[in-house]
Each structure stands twice: as C-alpha cells, then as structure tokens.
Amino acid sequence: MTVSATVLDLSAAQTAPLVLAAPQEQVSWSLTPGEGLAASATSGTLMAGQNATVLVNAAPAPAGPPTGCGQVKRGSITVHWSLGADPARTMGTHTVAVAFWVPCR
C-alpha cells in the first residue's frame, strides 16, 4: 500500500487530500487522526489497482476558547493496513506529520 504524503501542511489551507493506493493486491486500511485533527473517512478496503482520497482537516474545536488559538499546532495521522480483508492483521503503518492552524473565535 502507498500513502501519498509524509507531511501535510494545513496552516494555510482548510483541508488537504491524503491518497491511499493499493497497487498490487486487496488492502484493508484504518486511519487514526491525532488530537485536533479529523478525516473524511477512517477505514476502508481497496481492491488491487484502486485508490481512495481522504480529506484531512482540523477538527472542530469544543465550545469556549480553543487551546493554542492563533498558533500553528503539530499533530499526526497514522494509517494502518493489512493485506486481504482481515483488518486485524496489520501489515504496515505509515505516519503523516500534520501542521494545522488553530483559529481564535
């Protein structure tokens, strides 16, 4: 399985695409966003030759002033994958470093 990036910079943009691809065989994947981050999908299965685009963005802040507002924070997203349809058999992981802006309300 291939992942399109090792670093995403959301400090100037609201979202960024992360492309997951299964070039040779079926792959089950799961994605774990770190604190302050969200993703448009957190798991799936790709057949050989398929890819999926997951949009990554800063998670909505809870009520009240967000911690670290007006600053760029750093976090990460971890992608786990396994061959075939068994997500319990992790075959690999890929960590993507993410920089994102925390706006003040």
C-alpha atoms as a PDB file:
ATOM      1  CA  MET A   1       0.000   0.000   0.000  1.00  0.00           C
ATOM      2  CA  THR A   2       1.190   3.508  -0.703  1.00  0.00           C
ATOM      3  CA  VAL A   3       0.291   6.753   1.047  1.00  0.00           C
ATOM      4  CA  SER A   4       0.690   9.998  -0.904  1.00  0.00           C
ATOM      5  CA  ALA A   5       2.384  12.095   1.782  1.00  0.00           C
ATOM      6  CA  THR A   6       4.619  12.042   4.817  1.00  0.00           C
ATOM      7  CA  VAL A   7       3.820  15.676   5.699  1.00  0.00           C
ATOM      8  CA  LEU A   8       0.628  17.741   5.313  1.00  0.00           C
ATOM      9  CA  ASP A   9       0.510  21.484   5.941  1.00  0.00           C
ATOM     10  CA  LEU A  10      -2.939  22.779   6.879  1.00  0.00           C
ATOM     11  CA  SER A  11      -1.660  26.073   8.282  1.00  0.00           C
ATOM     12  CA  ALA A  12      -2.736  27.968   5.137  1.00  0.00           C
ATOM     13  CA  ALA A  13      -5.451  25.653   3.780  1.00  0.00           C
ATOM     14  CA  GLN A  14      -8.581  24.281   5.425  1.00  0.00           C
ATOM     15  CA  THR A  15      -8.159  20.729   4.128  1.00  0.00           C
ATOM     16  CA  ALA A  16      -5.609  18.571   2.361  1.00  0.00           C
ATOM     17  CA  PRO A  17      -6.036  15.317   0.458  1.00  0.00           C
ATOM     18  CA  LEU A  18      -4.284  12.128   1.503  1.00  0.00           C
ATOM     19  CA  VAL A  19      -4.360   9.467  -1.223  1.00  0.00           C
ATOM     20  CA  LEU A  20      -4.186   5.794  -0.256  1.00  0.00           C
ATOM     21  CA  ALA A  21      -3.460   3.291  -3.042  1.00  0.00           C
ATOM     22  CA  ALA A  22      -3.363  -0.491  -3.356  1.00  0.00           C
ATOM     23  CA  PRO A  23      -1.187  -1.105  -6.408  1.00  0.00           C
ATOM     24  CA  GLN A  24      -0.949  -4.917  -6.362  1.00  0.00           C
ATOM     25  CA  GLU A  25      -3.498  -6.588  -4.075  1.00  0.00           C
ATOM     26  CA  GLN A  26      -6.521  -6.029  -1.861  1.00  0.00           C
ATOM     27  CA  VAL A  27      -5.791  -3.959   1.241  1.00  0.00           C
ATOM     28  CA  SER A  28      -7.872  -3.143   4.329  1.00  0.00           C
ATOM     29  CA  TRP A  29      -6.907   0.139   5.969  1.00  0.00           C
ATOM     30  CA  SER A  30      -7.723   2.240   9.010  1.00  0.00           C
ATOM     31  CA  LEU A  31      -6.719   5.780   9.805  1.00  0.00           C
ATOM     32  CA  THR A  32      -6.299   7.334  13.256  1.00  0.00           C
ATOM     33  CA  PRO A  33      -6.248  11.144  13.379  1.00  0.00           C
ATOM     34  CA  GLY A  34      -4.295  12.663  16.264  1.00  0.00           C
ATOM     35  CA  GLU A  35      -5.694  15.243  18.668  1.00  0.00           C
ATOM     36  CA  GLY A  36      -7.137  18.281  16.919  1.00  0.00           C
ATOM     37  CA  LEU A  37      -7.404  16.545  13.536  1.00  0.00           C
ATOM     38  CA  ALA A  38     -10.280  14.952  11.617  1.00  0.00           C
ATOM     39  CA  ALA A  39     -10.583  12.892   8.449  1.00  0.00           C
ATOM     40  CA  SER A  40     -13.399  12.319   5.965  1.00  0.00           C
ATOM     41  CA  ALA A  41     -13.004   8.535   6.348  1.00  0.00           C
ATOM     42  CA  THR A  42     -11.332   6.343   8.954  1.00  0.00           C
ATOM     43  CA  SER A  43     -11.396   2.884   7.361  1.00  0.00           C
ATOM     44  CA  GLY A  44     -11.984   1.047   4.133  1.00  0.00           C
ATOM     45  CA  THR A  45     -10.944  -1.672   1.726  1.00  0.00           C
ATOM     46  CA  LEU A  46      -9.219  -1.157  -1.596  1.00  0.00           C
ATOM     47  CA  MET A  47      -9.069  -3.721  -4.370  1.00  0.00           C
ATOM     48  CA  ALA A  48      -5.863  -4.092  -6.404  1.00  0.00           C
ATOM     49  CA  GLY A  49      -5.361  -1.008  -8.550  1.00  0.00           C
ATOM     50  CA  GLN A  50      -7.786   1.173  -6.578  1.00  0.00           C
ATOM     51  CA  ASN A  51      -7.110   4.294  -4.569  1.00  0.00           C
ATOM     52  CA  ALA A  52      -9.055   6.411  -2.098  1.00  0.00           C
ATOM     53  CA  THR A  53      -8.731  10.083  -1.232  1.00  0.00           C
ATOM     54  CA  VAL A  54      -9.239  11.018   2.414  1.00  0.00           C
ATOM     55  CA  LEU A  55      -9.631  14.712   3.235  1.00  0.00           C
ATOM     56  CA  VAL A  56      -7.748  15.793   6.360  1.00  0.00           C
ATOM     57  CA  ASN A  57      -8.697  18.903   8.310  1.00  0.00           C
ATOM     58  CA  ALA A  58      -8.529  20.443  11.761  1.00  0.00           C
ATOM     59  CA  ALA A  59     -11.289  19.077  13.989  1.00  0.00           C
ATOM     60  CA  PRO A  60     -13.991  21.484  15.147  1.00  0.00           C
ATOM     61  CA  ALA A  61     -12.993  22.993  18.483  1.00  0.00           C
ATOM     62  CA  PRO A  62     -15.224  22.414  21.504  1.00  0.00           C
ATOM     63  CA  ALA A  63     -17.145  25.338  22.986  1.00  0.00           C
ATOM     64  CA  GLY A  64     -15.026  28.043  24.584  1.00  0.00           C
ATOM     65  CA  PRO A  65     -11.684  29.459  23.518  1.00  0.00           C
ATOM     66  CA  PRO A  66      -9.564  26.779  21.834  1.00  0.00           C
ATOM     67  CA  THR A  67      -6.237  25.871  23.403  1.00  0.00           C
ATOM     68  CA  GLY A  68      -3.330  27.367  21.477  1.00  0.00           C
ATOM     69  CA  CYS A  69      -5.527  29.613  19.347  1.00  0.00           C
ATOM     70  CA  GLY A  70      -3.751  31.816  16.848  1.00  0.00           C
ATOM     71  CA  GLN A  71      -0.899  29.341  16.534  1.00  0.00           C
ATOM     72  CA  VAL A  72       0.191  26.530  14.277  1.00  0.00           C
ATOM     73  CA  LYS A  73      -0.004  23.182  16.070  1.00  0.00           C
ATOM     74  CA  ARG A  74       1.632  19.946  15.059  1.00  0.00           C
ATOM     75  CA  GLY A  75      -0.013  16.560  15.065  1.00  0.00           C
ATOM     76  CA  SER A  76      -0.077  13.335  13.116  1.00  0.00           C
ATOM     77  CA  ILE A  77      -2.291  10.804  11.417  1.00  0.00           C
ATOM     78  CA  THR A  78      -1.433   7.121  11.442  1.00  0.00           C
ATOM     79  CA  VAL A  79      -2.528   4.777   8.656  1.00  0.00           C
ATOM     80  CA  HIS A  80      -2.559   1.017   9.379  1.00  0.00           C
ATOM     81  CA  TRP A  81      -3.128  -1.570   6.674  1.00  0.00           C
ATOM     82  CA  SER A  82      -3.361  -5.303   6.177  1.00  0.00           C
ATOM     83  CA  LEU A  83      -3.451  -7.476   3.089  1.00  0.00           C
ATOM     84  CA  GLY A  84      -6.750  -9.037   2.177  1.00  0.00           C
ATOM     85  CA  ALA A  85      -9.972  -8.355   4.034  1.00  0.00           C
ATOM     86  CA  ASP A  86      -8.717  -9.002   7.579  1.00  0.00           C
ATOM     87  CA  PRO A  87      -8.073  -5.629   9.285  1.00  0.00           C
ATOM     88  CA  ALA A  88      -6.862  -7.433  12.432  1.00  0.00           C
ATOM     89  CA  ARG A  89      -3.641  -8.493  10.669  1.00  0.00           C
ATOM     90  CA  THR A  90      -1.665  -5.273  10.492  1.00  0.00           C
ATOM     91  CA  MET A  91       0.976  -5.478   7.786  1.00  0.00           C
ATOM     92  CA  GLY A  92       2.263  -1.939   7.997  1.00  0.00           C
ATOM     93  CA  THR A  93       1.833   1.562   9.312  1.00  0.00           C
ATOM     94  CA  HIS A  94       2.541   4.981   7.884  1.00  0.00           C
ATOM     95  CA  THR A  95       2.615   8.173   9.951  1.00  0.00           C
ATOM     96  CA  VAL A  96       1.861  11.533   8.368  1.00  0.00           C
ATOM     97  CA  ALA A  97       3.025  14.662  10.212  1.00  0.00           C
ATOM     98  CA  VAL A  98       0.445  17.452  10.061  1.00  0.00           C
ATOM     99  CA  ALA A  99       0.792  21.181  10.775  1.00  0.00           C
ATOM    100  CA  PHE A 100      -2.512  22.994  11.296  1.00  0.00           C
ATOM    101  CA  TRP A 101      -3.736  26.441  12.325  1.00  0.00           C
ATOM    102  CA  VAL A 102      -5.875  26.861  15.444  1.00  0.00           C
ATOM    103  CA  PRO A 103      -8.103  29.885  14.843  1.00  0.00           C
ATOM    104  CA  CYS A 104      -9.295  32.164  17.631  1.00  0.00           C
ATOM    105  CA  ARG A 105     -13.041  32.710  17.686  1.00  0.00           C
END
